[in-house]
Amino acid sequence: MNTAELKTKILKQIDALESDKLEGFYGLLLNYVNAQRSEEEWDLLSDEQRLGILAAKAEVESGQKIPHAEVTAKHGSRFGNA
């Protein structure tokens, strides 16, 4: 099956979807596209940036985090959010 045939087949299947399934499919499509973009953006980061993100992720996963509301209450006035 060539690209044009595949696109036609996909579009016919999308056209036949009911509204709720169409919205679900659209969400899946966005997740797929954004995941691809995220991987490309990850590759563009420096080693230092990647390590910083991984370290922050590890801190959150181990429970070493401060809730957003607490940070905003403490420092929000510095940024006009209090």
Protein backbone atom coordinates (compact mmCIF):
# COMPACT_ATOMS: atom_id res chain seq x y z
CA MET A 1 0.00 0.00 0.00
CA ASN A 2 1.47 3.36 -1.01
CA THR A 3 1.25 6.60 0.98
CA ALA A 4 -1.76 7.98 -0.91
CA GLU A 5 -3.72 4.76 -0.40
CA LEU A 6 -2.85 4.69 3.28
CA LYS A 7 -3.95 8.31 3.76
CA THR A 8 -7.23 7.61 1.96
CA LYS A 9 -7.88 4.55 4.12
CA ILE A 10 -7.10 6.47 7.32
CA LEU A 11 -9.31 9.41 6.33
CA LYS A 12 -12.23 7.09 5.53
CA GLN A 13 -11.91 5.44 8.94
CA ILE A 14 -11.73 8.83 10.67
CA ASP A 15 -14.75 10.06 8.72
CA ALA A 16 -16.77 7.07 9.94
CA LEU A 17 -16.03 7.68 13.64
CA GLU A 18 -18.76 8.86 15.98
CA SER A 19 -18.21 12.18 17.76
CA ASP A 20 -16.92 10.75 21.07
CA LYS A 21 -14.53 8.36 19.35
CA LEU A 22 -13.35 11.16 17.03
CA GLU A 23 -12.43 13.30 20.04
CA GLY A 24 -10.58 10.35 21.58
CA PHE A 25 -8.71 9.72 18.35
CA TYR A 26 -7.74 13.38 18.14
CA GLY A 27 -6.31 13.17 21.67
CA LEU A 28 -4.30 10.09 20.73
CA LEU A 29 -3.00 11.82 17.61
CA LEU A 30 -1.93 14.88 19.59
CA ASN A 31 -0.19 12.70 22.18
CA TYR A 32 1.69 10.88 19.42
CA VAL A 33 2.75 14.08 17.65
CA ASN A 34 3.75 15.81 20.89
CA ALA A 35 5.73 12.77 22.05
CA GLN A 36 7.71 12.86 18.82
CA ARG A 37 8.36 16.58 19.28
CA SER A 38 9.36 16.07 22.92
CA GLU A 39 11.94 13.47 21.94
CA GLU A 40 13.41 15.85 19.37
CA GLU A 41 13.52 18.68 21.91
CA TRP A 42 15.18 16.39 24.48
CA ASP A 43 17.92 15.67 21.95
CA LEU A 44 18.55 19.41 21.58
CA LEU A 45 19.21 19.92 25.31
CA SER A 46 22.71 20.14 26.68
CA ASP A 47 24.00 17.40 28.97
CA GLU A 48 23.76 19.84 31.88
CA GLN A 49 20.10 20.59 31.11
CA ARG A 50 19.25 16.89 30.80
CA LEU A 51 20.96 16.10 34.11
CA GLY A 52 19.10 18.95 35.82
CA ILE A 53 15.76 17.68 34.56
CA LEU A 54 16.53 14.11 35.59
CA ALA A 55 17.66 15.27 39.03
CA ALA A 56 14.47 17.30 39.51
CA LYS A 57 12.37 14.34 38.41
CA ALA A 58 14.15 12.09 40.91
CA GLU A 59 13.53 14.61 43.72
CA VAL A 60 9.82 14.76 42.94
CA GLU A 61 9.54 10.98 42.75
CA SER A 62 11.25 10.63 46.13
CA GLY A 63 8.82 13.10 47.74
CA GLN A 64 11.23 16.04 47.94
CA LYS A 65 8.88 18.63 46.52
CA ILE A 66 7.12 21.81 47.58
CA PRO A 67 3.48 22.29 46.49
CA HIS A 68 2.85 25.14 44.07
CA ALA A 69 0.45 26.87 46.48
CA GLU A 70 3.16 26.95 49.16
CA VAL A 71 5.74 28.46 46.82
CA THR A 72 3.23 31.02 45.56
CA ALA A 73 2.25 31.98 49.12
CA LYS A 74 5.87 32.41 50.13
CA HIS A 75 7.32 34.06 47.01
CA GLY A 76 4.33 35.17 44.94
CA SER A 77 4.63 38.85 45.86
CA ARG A 78 8.07 38.96 44.25
CA PHE A 79 6.44 38.14 40.93
CA GLY A 80 3.12 39.98 41.34
CA ASN A 81 1.11 36.85 42.19
CA ALA A 82 0.26 37.42 45.85
